Amino acid sequence: PPKTTGREHYGAAFVDGIFAAANERKLSDADILATVTDFTAQTIAAAIRDFCVVRPARL
């Protein structure tokens, strides 16, 4: 199963990099937030599907 990672990987520098790359592409803050939120939700759902023996009734 996946392990947790902390601020050493996904801290302020990581977020700054995301915003810098997105701003180069002229993406709005709303688009950036929506993309990161969707990616996070998809990652959590995939981990539950792949690694949880007992799954919730609804994801």
C-alpha atoms as a PDB file:
ATOM      1  CA  PRO A   1       0.000   0.000   0.000  1.00  0.00           C
ATOM      2  CA  PRO A   2       1.047   3.593  -0.475  1.00  0.00           C
ATOM      3  CA  LYS A   3       2.735   5.388   2.367  1.00  0.00           C
ATOM      4  CA  THR A   4       1.970   8.883   3.481  1.00  0.00           C
ATOM      5  CA  THR A   5       4.226  11.683   2.392  1.00  0.00           C
ATOM      6  CA  GLY A   6       4.533  14.983   4.084  1.00  0.00           C
ATOM      7  CA  ARG A   7       5.620  18.518   3.613  1.00  0.00           C
ATOM      8  CA  GLU A   8       9.110  17.441   2.633  1.00  0.00           C
ATOM      9  CA  HIS A   9       7.633  16.385  -0.732  1.00  0.00           C
ATOM     10  CA  TYR A  10       4.429  18.377  -1.069  1.00  0.00           C
ATOM     11  CA  GLY A  11       5.065  21.611   0.779  1.00  0.00           C
ATOM     12  CA  ALA A  12       5.258  25.239  -0.232  1.00  0.00           C
ATOM     13  CA  ALA A  13       7.967  24.696  -2.860  1.00  0.00           C
ATOM     14  CA  PHE A  14       5.847  22.039  -4.590  1.00  0.00           C
ATOM     15  CA  VAL A  15       2.795  24.314  -4.627  1.00  0.00           C
ATOM     16  CA  ASP A  16       4.881  27.236  -5.888  1.00  0.00           C
ATOM     17  CA  GLY A  17       6.084  25.033  -8.752  1.00  0.00           C
ATOM     18  CA  ILE A  18       2.534  24.078  -9.683  1.00  0.00           C
ATOM     19  CA  PHE A  19       1.448  27.719  -9.744  1.00  0.00           C
ATOM     20  CA  ALA A  20       4.524  28.778 -11.728  1.00  0.00           C
ATOM     21  CA  ALA A  21       3.917  26.110 -14.380  1.00  0.00           C
ATOM     22  CA  ALA A  22       0.206  26.901 -14.524  1.00  0.00           C
ATOM     23  CA  ASN A  23       0.808  30.639 -14.801  1.00  0.00           C
ATOM     24  CA  GLU A  24       3.156  30.050 -17.751  1.00  0.00           C
ATOM     25  CA  ARG A  25       0.210  28.351 -19.429  1.00  0.00           C
ATOM     26  CA  LYS A  26      -2.114  31.242 -18.499  1.00  0.00           C
ATOM     27  CA  LEU A  27      -4.360  29.051 -16.341  1.00  0.00           C
ATOM     28  CA  SER A  28      -6.644  30.731 -13.846  1.00  0.00           C
ATOM     29  CA  ASP A  29      -6.334  30.096 -10.123  1.00  0.00           C
ATOM     30  CA  ALA A  30      -9.775  28.436 -10.274  1.00  0.00           C
ATOM     31  CA  ASP A  31      -8.572  26.013 -12.968  1.00  0.00           C
ATOM     32  CA  ILE A  32      -5.448  25.200 -10.966  1.00  0.00           C
ATOM     33  CA  LEU A  33      -7.453  24.540  -7.819  1.00  0.00           C
ATOM     34  CA  ALA A  34      -9.998  22.412  -9.691  1.00  0.00           C
ATOM     35  CA  THR A  35      -7.249  20.338 -11.306  1.00  0.00           C
ATOM     36  CA  VAL A  36      -5.347  19.759  -8.071  1.00  0.00           C
ATOM     37  CA  THR A  37      -8.572  18.906  -6.226  1.00  0.00           C
ATOM     38  CA  ASP A  38      -9.638  16.420  -8.909  1.00  0.00           C
ATOM     39  CA  PHE A  39      -6.184  14.827  -8.989  1.00  0.00           C
ATOM     40  CA  THR A  40      -6.230  14.437  -5.207  1.00  0.00           C
ATOM     41  CA  ALA A  41      -9.696  12.856  -5.222  1.00  0.00           C
ATOM     42  CA  GLN A  42      -8.773  10.477  -8.056  1.00  0.00           C
ATOM     43  CA  THR A  43      -5.584   9.450  -6.256  1.00  0.00           C
ATOM     44  CA  ILE A  44      -7.446   8.701  -3.024  1.00  0.00           C
ATOM     45  CA  ALA A  45     -10.134   6.723  -4.866  1.00  0.00           C
ATOM     46  CA  ALA A  46      -7.505   4.687  -6.735  1.00  0.00           C
ATOM     47  CA  ALA A  47      -5.686   3.858  -3.504  1.00  0.00           C
ATOM     48  CA  ILE A  48      -8.937   2.697  -1.907  1.00  0.00           C
ATOM     49  CA  ARG A  49      -9.794   0.543  -4.945  1.00  0.00           C
ATOM     50  CA  ASP A  50      -6.306  -0.925  -5.176  1.00  0.00           C
ATOM     51  CA  PHE A  51      -5.370  -1.474  -1.543  1.00  0.00           C
ATOM     52  CA  CYS A  52      -8.441  -1.693   0.707  1.00  0.00           C
ATOM     53  CA  VAL A  53      -9.834  -5.164   1.261  1.00  0.00           C
ATOM     54  CA  VAL A  54     -13.057  -3.752   2.680  1.00  0.00           C
ATOM     55  CA  ARG A  55     -14.206  -0.927   0.479  1.00  0.00           C
ATOM     56  CA  PRO A  56     -16.742   1.757   1.279  1.00  0.00           C
ATOM     57  CA  ALA A  57     -20.135   1.361  -0.391  1.00  0.00           C
ATOM     58  CA  ARG A  58     -19.610   4.625  -2.220  1.00  0.00           C
ATOM     59  CA  LEU A  59     -16.532   6.482  -3.423  1.00  0.00           C
END
